[in-house]
Amino acid sequence: MSDRHSTTDQTAASGSTGGVRADRRLRRTALAAAAVAALGLTGAGVAQAASGAGASTAKSTPTCAASALKATFGTKLAGGMNHQGVVVRLRNLSGTTCALRGFPGLGLENAAHKTLSAHTHWGDTWYARNPGTKTLTLKDGESAEAVVSWTHADTGTSQAVHASYLEITPPAATRHKTLAFPEWVDHGDLRVTALAKHIDVSG
């Protein structure tokens, strides 16, 4: 009787031990699977982070310096009501790609290159609507243009400024380009559009 109970107890104990071992194996298997999955997710996260870091470290296109640009006049514009205008072009001659965004600054000089009183108005002009402010990426040799306009109703009077040169300051620059500009400008008021790759004009 006691032997049977002993055998039964041993069998039960053995079964219990086997069950514990089985449970441990299942837990180990589950933990191993979870670890593999975690490593997979971590690897994906690292890869994604590395990709993001690569994108963020990509060099942005530098702004075109005044020294890298050549300023020229394009089409001269005329019209009624004493309006006059001209297309101004800034050509990238830096040997590399650079960017421009926004409006050029303008100024007037006399024959001795002395700064004259002038006021620049950004936006629409008599000849063209403002194309909007956009970042323009210029490869070496490419140009951006803006349309400048003014009136000359008061030619020869104290109400008009007699200029000899036009100062053109590229966006974000502190230095300007100078072009011959023998014009009368009422009150020194100049209007100019934002720079664009091309602007349709009338007149």
C-alpha atoms as a PDB file:
ATOM      1  CA  MET A   1       0.000   0.000   0.000  1.00  0.00           C
ATOM      2  CA  SER A   2       2.716   2.407   0.946  1.00  0.00           C
ATOM      3  CA  ASP A   3       4.731   1.273  -2.127  1.00  0.00           C
ATOM      4  CA  ARG A   4       1.814   2.052  -4.405  1.00  0.00           C
ATOM      5  CA  HIS A   5       1.398   5.442  -2.878  1.00  0.00           C
ATOM      6  CA  SER A   6       5.135   5.995  -3.157  1.00  0.00           C
ATOM      7  CA  THR A   7       5.116   4.957  -6.821  1.00  0.00           C
ATOM      8  CA  THR A   8       2.089   7.119  -7.494  1.00  0.00           C
ATOM      9  CA  ASP A   9       3.675  10.082  -5.725  1.00  0.00           C
ATOM     10  CA  GLN A  10       6.901   9.585  -7.674  1.00  0.00           C
ATOM     11  CA  THR A  11       4.967   9.358 -10.947  1.00  0.00           C
ATOM     12  CA  ALA A  12       3.022  12.483 -10.076  1.00  0.00           C
ATOM     13  CA  ALA A  13       6.217  14.228  -9.072  1.00  0.00           C
ATOM     14  CA  SER A  14       7.871  13.082 -12.261  1.00  0.00           C
ATOM     15  CA  GLY A  15       4.877  14.296 -14.275  1.00  0.00           C
ATOM     16  CA  SER A  16       4.951  17.593 -12.422  1.00  0.00           C
ATOM     17  CA  THR A  17       8.673  17.965 -13.069  1.00  0.00           C
ATOM     18  CA  GLY A  18       8.182  17.129 -16.732  1.00  0.00           C
ATOM     19  CA  GLY A  19       5.423  19.710 -16.941  1.00  0.00           C
ATOM     20  CA  VAL A  20       7.615  22.361 -15.357  1.00  0.00           C
ATOM     21  CA  ARG A  21      10.418  21.554 -17.779  1.00  0.00           C
ATOM     22  CA  ALA A  22       8.000  21.737 -20.706  1.00  0.00           C
ATOM     23  CA  ASP A  23       6.712  25.080 -19.473  1.00  0.00           C
ATOM     24  CA  ARG A  24      10.274  26.355 -19.154  1.00  0.00           C
ATOM     25  CA  ARG A  25      11.094  25.211 -22.702  1.00  0.00           C
ATOM     26  CA  LEU A  26       7.972  26.949 -24.032  1.00  0.00           C
ATOM     27  CA  ARG A  27       8.860  30.120 -22.167  1.00  0.00           C
ATOM     28  CA  ARG A  28      12.434  29.999 -23.486  1.00  0.00           C
ATOM     29  CA  THR A  29      11.179  29.455 -27.033  1.00  0.00           C
ATOM     30  CA  ALA A  30       8.752  32.350 -26.693  1.00  0.00           C
ATOM     31  CA  LEU A  31      11.460  34.610 -25.249  1.00  0.00           C
ATOM     32  CA  ALA A  32      13.836  33.668 -28.059  1.00  0.00           C
ATOM     33  CA  ALA A  33      11.179  34.439 -30.688  1.00  0.00           C
ATOM     34  CA  ALA A  34      10.429  37.758 -29.015  1.00  0.00           C
ATOM     35  CA  ALA A  35      14.139  38.602 -28.953  1.00  0.00           C
ATOM     36  CA  VAL A  36      14.459  37.831 -32.681  1.00  0.00           C
ATOM     37  CA  ALA A  37      11.424  39.964 -33.443  1.00  0.00           C
ATOM     38  CA  ALA A  38      12.786  42.778 -31.285  1.00  0.00           C
ATOM     39  CA  LEU A  39      16.126  42.615 -33.089  1.00  0.00           C
ATOM     40  CA  GLY A  40      14.332  42.743 -36.420  1.00  0.00           C
ATOM     41  CA  LEU A  41      12.337  45.805 -35.398  1.00  0.00           C
ATOM     42  CA  THR A  42      15.403  47.454 -33.920  1.00  0.00           C
ATOM     43  CA  GLY A  43      17.325  46.810 -37.108  1.00  0.00           C
ATOM     44  CA  ALA A  44      14.541  48.380 -39.156  1.00  0.00           C
ATOM     45  CA  GLY A  45      14.478  51.350 -36.796  1.00  0.00           C
ATOM     46  CA  VAL A  46      18.228  51.781 -37.061  1.00  0.00           C
ATOM     47  CA  ALA A  47      18.060  51.555 -40.825  1.00  0.00           C
ATOM     48  CA  GLN A  48      15.264  54.116 -40.938  1.00  0.00           C
ATOM     49  CA  ALA A  49      17.141  56.425 -38.567  1.00  0.00           C
ATOM     50  CA  ALA A  50      20.285  56.077 -40.645  1.00  0.00           C
ATOM     51  CA  SER A  51      18.318  56.919 -43.774  1.00  0.00           C
ATOM     52  CA  GLY A  52      16.849  59.979 -42.083  1.00  0.00           C
ATOM     53  CA  ALA A  53      20.255  61.056 -40.875  1.00  0.00           C
ATOM     54  CA  GLY A  54      21.615  60.702 -44.383  1.00  0.00           C
ATOM     55  CA  ALA A  55      18.867  62.908 -45.750  1.00  0.00           C
ATOM     56  CA  SER A  56      19.342  65.510 -43.047  1.00  0.00           C
ATOM     57  CA  THR A  57      23.082  65.656 -43.601  1.00  0.00           C
ATOM     58  CA  ALA A  58      22.706  66.182 -47.343  1.00  0.00           C
ATOM     59  CA  LYS A  59      24.234  69.502 -48.250  1.00  0.00           C
ATOM     60  CA  SER A  60      21.730  72.205 -49.196  1.00  0.00           C
ATOM     61  CA  THR A  61      22.298  74.393 -52.238  1.00  0.00           C
ATOM     62  CA  PRO A  62      24.190  77.552 -51.229  1.00  0.00           C
ATOM     63  CA  THR A  63      22.803  81.019 -51.926  1.00  0.00           C
ATOM     64  CA  CYS A  64      24.333  82.735 -54.946  1.00  0.00           C
ATOM     65  CA  ALA A  65      26.857  85.334 -53.827  1.00  0.00           C
ATOM     66  CA  ALA A  66      26.940  88.685 -55.594  1.00  0.00           C
ATOM     67  CA  SER A  67      30.452  87.903 -56.795  1.00  0.00           C
ATOM     68  CA  ALA A  68      29.163  84.737 -58.506  1.00  0.00           C
ATOM     69  CA  LEU A  69      26.547  86.607 -60.545  1.00  0.00           C
ATOM     70  CA  LYS A  70      26.749  88.711 -63.693  1.00  0.00           C
ATOM     71  CA  ALA A  71      24.038  91.375 -64.034  1.00  0.00           C
ATOM     72  CA  THR A  72      22.794  92.432 -67.462  1.00  0.00           C
ATOM     73  CA  PHE A  73      19.797  94.170 -68.981  1.00  0.00           C
ATOM     74  CA  GLY A  74      17.412  92.171 -71.132  1.00  0.00           C
ATOM     75  CA  THR A  75      14.451  93.523 -73.064  1.00  0.00           C
ATOM     76  CA  LYS A  76      13.814  97.251 -72.724  1.00  0.00           C
ATOM     77  CA  LEU A  77      10.160  98.071 -72.194  1.00  0.00           C
ATOM     78  CA  ALA A  78       8.198 101.146 -73.197  1.00  0.00           C
ATOM     79  CA  GLY A  79       4.568 102.189 -73.123  1.00  0.00           C
ATOM     80  CA  GLY A  80       2.080 104.967 -72.682  1.00  0.00           C
ATOM     81  CA  MET A  81       1.496 107.227 -69.694  1.00  0.00           C
ATOM     82  CA  ASN A  82       5.256 107.874 -69.311  1.00  0.00           C
ATOM     83  CA  HIS A  83       5.983 104.319 -68.207  1.00  0.00           C
ATOM     84  CA  GLN A  84       9.313 102.686 -68.866  1.00  0.00           C
ATOM     85  CA  GLY A  85      10.919  99.432 -67.818  1.00  0.00           C
ATOM     86  CA  VAL A  86      13.589  96.834 -68.388  1.00  0.00           C
ATOM     87  CA  VAL A  87      14.226  93.161 -67.682  1.00  0.00           C
ATOM     88  CA  VAL A  88      17.162  92.573 -65.328  1.00  0.00           C
ATOM     89  CA  ARG A  89      19.020  89.269 -65.475  1.00  0.00           C
ATOM     90  CA  LEU A  90      21.357  87.687 -62.940  1.00  0.00           C
ATOM     91  CA  ARG A  91      23.467  84.910 -64.429  1.00  0.00           C
ATOM     92  CA  ASN A  92      25.281  82.333 -62.312  1.00  0.00           C
ATOM     93  CA  LEU A  93      28.966  82.193 -63.293  1.00  0.00           C
ATOM     94  CA  SER A  94      30.227  80.551 -60.096  1.00  0.00           C
ATOM     95  CA  GLY A  95      31.103  77.238 -61.732  1.00  0.00           C
ATOM     96  CA  THR A  96      28.713  75.418 -59.401  1.00  0.00           C
ATOM     97  CA  THR A  97      25.002  75.331 -58.580  1.00  0.00           C
ATOM     98  CA  CYS A  98      23.578  78.025 -56.315  1.00  0.00           C
ATOM     99  CA  ALA A  99      20.136  79.374 -55.403  1.00  0.00           C
ATOM    100  CA  LEU A 100      18.257  82.679 -55.347  1.00  0.00           C
ATOM    101  CA  ARG A 101      14.960  83.496 -53.645  1.00  0.00           C
ATOM    102  CA  GLY A 102      13.016  86.727 -53.450  1.00  0.00           C
ATOM    103  CA  PHE A 103      13.366  90.260 -54.737  1.00  0.00           C
ATOM    104  CA  PRO A 104      16.508  92.079 -55.842  1.00  0.00           C
ATOM    105  CA  GLY A 105      17.346  95.316 -54.073  1.00  0.00           C
ATOM    106  CA  LEU A 106      17.625  98.417 -56.272  1.00  0.00           C
ATOM    107  CA  GLY A 107      19.342 101.770 -55.960  1.00  0.00           C
ATOM    108  CA  LEU A 108      20.326 104.752 -58.092  1.00  0.00           C
ATOM    109  CA  GLU A 109      23.692 106.452 -58.520  1.00  0.00           C
ATOM    110  CA  ASN A 110      24.776 109.613 -60.296  1.00  0.00           C
ATOM    111  CA  ALA A 111      27.666 109.882 -62.756  1.00  0.00           C
ATOM    112  CA  ALA A 112      30.155 110.022 -59.853  1.00  0.00           C
ATOM    113  CA  HIS A 113      28.653 106.833 -58.365  1.00  0.00           C
ATOM    114  CA  LYS A 114      27.149 108.800 -55.501  1.00  0.00           C
ATOM    115  CA  THR A 115      23.981 107.218 -54.113  1.00  0.00           C
ATOM    116  CA  LEU A 116      20.799 109.081 -55.012  1.00  0.00           C
ATOM    117  CA  SER A 117      17.435 109.096 -53.263  1.00  0.00           C
ATOM    118  CA  ALA A 118      15.452 106.068 -54.408  1.00  0.00           C
ATOM    119  CA  HIS A 119      12.554 103.923 -53.213  1.00  0.00           C
ATOM    120  CA  THR A 120      12.002 100.323 -54.272  1.00  0.00           C
ATOM    121  CA  HIS A 121       8.508  98.789 -54.332  1.00  0.00           C
ATOM    122  CA  TRP A 122       8.293  94.986 -54.500  1.00  0.00           C
ATOM    123  CA  GLY A 123       5.404  93.307 -56.356  1.00  0.00           C
ATOM    124  CA  ASP A 124       3.537  93.888 -59.604  1.00  0.00           C
ATOM    125  CA  THR A 125       4.905  96.304 -62.187  1.00  0.00           C
ATOM    126  CA  TRP A 126       3.326  98.088 -65.156  1.00  0.00           C
ATOM    127  CA  TYR A 127       4.643  95.360 -67.462  1.00  0.00           C
ATOM    128  CA  ALA A 128       4.365  92.142 -65.480  1.00  0.00           C
ATOM    129  CA  ARG A 129       2.596  90.606 -62.528  1.00  0.00           C
ATOM    130  CA  ASN A 130       4.721  89.450 -59.650  1.00  0.00           C
ATOM    131  CA  PRO A 131       5.464  85.722 -60.185  1.00  0.00           C
ATOM    132  CA  GLY A 132       5.638  85.022 -56.443  1.00  0.00           C
ATOM    133  CA  THR A 133       8.603  84.235 -54.262  1.00  0.00           C
ATOM    134  CA  LYS A 134      10.177  80.886 -55.146  1.00  0.00           C
ATOM    135  CA  THR A 135      13.559  79.299 -54.576  1.00  0.00           C
ATOM    136  CA  LEU A 136      15.372  79.219 -57.906  1.00  0.00           C
ATOM    137  CA  THR A 137      18.152  76.670 -58.333  1.00  0.00           C
ATOM    138  CA  LEU A 138      20.616  77.951 -60.919  1.00  0.00           C
ATOM    139  CA  LYS A 139      23.182  75.683 -62.484  1.00  0.00           C
ATOM    140  CA  ASP A 140      26.371  77.264 -63.745  1.00  0.00           C
ATOM    141  CA  GLY A 141      25.441  79.470 -66.706  1.00  0.00           C
ATOM    142  CA  GLU A 142      21.728  79.695 -65.877  1.00  0.00           C
ATOM    143  CA  SER A 143      19.938  82.991 -65.192  1.00  0.00           C
ATOM    144  CA  ALA A 144      17.089  84.448 -63.170  1.00  0.00           C
ATOM    145  CA  GLU A 145      15.239  87.607 -64.154  1.00  0.00           C
ATOM    146  CA  ALA A 146      13.069  90.350 -62.712  1.00  0.00           C
ATOM    147  CA  VAL A 147      11.124  93.189 -64.309  1.00  0.00           C
ATOM    148  CA  VAL A 148      11.880  96.759 -63.233  1.00  0.00           C
ATOM    149  CA  SER A 149       9.591  99.678 -64.055  1.00  0.00           C
ATOM    150  CA  TRP A 150       9.356 103.407 -63.344  1.00  0.00           C
ATOM    151  CA  THR A 151       7.772 106.579 -64.749  1.00  0.00           C
ATOM    152  CA  HIS A 152       9.399 109.702 -66.179  1.00  0.00           C
ATOM    153  CA  ALA A 153       6.605 112.240 -66.393  1.00  0.00           C
ATOM    154  CA  ASP A 154       8.655 114.833 -64.529  1.00  0.00           C
ATOM    155  CA  THR A 155      11.796 114.625 -66.668  1.00  0.00           C
ATOM    156  CA  GLY A 156      14.062 117.614 -66.068  1.00  0.00           C
ATOM    157  CA  THR A 157      12.245 118.784 -62.937  1.00  0.00           C
ATOM    158  CA  SER A 158      12.975 118.593 -59.228  1.00  0.00           C
ATOM    159  CA  GLN A 159      10.319 115.881 -58.980  1.00  0.00           C
ATOM    160  CA  ALA A 160      12.535 113.428 -60.859  1.00  0.00           C
ATOM    161  CA  VAL A 161      15.909 111.862 -60.086  1.00  0.00           C
ATOM    162  CA  HIS A 162      18.461 111.883 -62.898  1.00  0.00           C
ATOM    163  CA  ALA A 163      20.384 108.635 -62.593  1.00  0.00           C
ATOM    164  CA  SER A 164      23.459 107.348 -64.380  1.00  0.00           C
ATOM    165  CA  TYR A 165      23.695 103.892 -62.810  1.00  0.00           C
ATOM    166  CA  LEU A 166      21.358 101.264 -61.366  1.00  0.00           C
ATOM    167  CA  GLU A 167      22.453  99.263 -58.329  1.00  0.00           C
ATOM    168  CA  ILE A 168      21.180  95.670 -58.224  1.00  0.00           C
ATOM    169  CA  THR A 169      21.598  93.742 -54.976  1.00  0.00           C
ATOM    170  CA  PRO A 170      20.868  89.991 -55.212  1.00  0.00           C
ATOM    171  CA  PRO A 171      18.609  88.522 -52.493  1.00  0.00           C
ATOM    172  CA  ALA A 172      20.465  87.830 -49.217  1.00  0.00           C
ATOM    173  CA  ALA A 173      23.554  89.659 -50.500  1.00  0.00           C
ATOM    174  CA  THR A 174      25.301  92.693 -49.027  1.00  0.00           C
ATOM    175  CA  ARG A 175      27.133  93.692 -52.200  1.00  0.00           C
ATOM    176  CA  HIS A 176      25.564  94.991 -55.386  1.00  0.00           C
ATOM    177  CA  LYS A 177      26.145  94.951 -59.124  1.00  0.00           C
ATOM    178  CA  THR A 178      26.137  98.225 -61.082  1.00  0.00           C
ATOM    179  CA  LEU A 179      24.813  98.813 -64.597  1.00  0.00           C
ATOM    180  CA  ALA A 180      24.757 101.985 -66.693  1.00  0.00           C
ATOM    181  CA  PHE A 181      21.288 103.519 -66.335  1.00  0.00           C
ATOM    182  CA  PRO A 182      20.997 107.050 -67.817  1.00  0.00           C
ATOM    183  CA  GLU A 183      17.338 107.548 -66.893  1.00  0.00           C
ATOM    184  CA  TRP A 184      14.999 110.055 -65.278  1.00  0.00           C
ATOM    185  CA  VAL A 185      12.967 108.409 -62.511  1.00  0.00           C
ATOM    186  CA  ASP A 186       9.974 110.199 -60.979  1.00  0.00           C
ATOM    187  CA  HIS A 187      10.602 110.663 -57.248  1.00  0.00           C
ATOM    188  CA  GLY A 188      13.243 107.912 -57.480  1.00  0.00           C
ATOM    189  CA  ASP A 189      10.440 105.321 -57.350  1.00  0.00           C
ATOM    190  CA  LEU A 190      11.324 101.916 -58.811  1.00  0.00           C
ATOM    191  CA  ARG A 191       9.070  98.868 -58.953  1.00  0.00           C
ATOM    192  CA  VAL A 192      10.389  95.326 -59.314  1.00  0.00           C
ATOM    193  CA  THR A 193       9.042  91.783 -59.386  1.00  0.00           C
ATOM    194  CA  ALA A 194      10.496  88.792 -57.561  1.00  0.00           C
ATOM    195  CA  LEU A 195      13.105  86.820 -59.440  1.00  0.00           C
ATOM    196  CA  ALA A 196      11.952  83.973 -61.680  1.00  0.00           C
ATOM    197  CA  LYS A 197      13.460  81.789 -64.372  1.00  0.00           C
ATOM    198  CA  HIS A 198      11.290  83.656 -66.883  1.00  0.00           C
ATOM    199  CA  ILE A 199       8.651  86.381 -66.638  1.00  0.00           C
ATOM    200  CA  ASP A 200       6.141  87.172 -69.383  1.00  0.00           C
ATOM    201  CA  VAL A 201       5.996  90.902 -70.067  1.00  0.00           C
ATOM    202  CA  SER A 202       3.743  93.237 -72.035  1.00  0.00           C
ATOM    203  CA  GLY A 203       4.708  96.467 -73.727  1.00  0.00           C
END
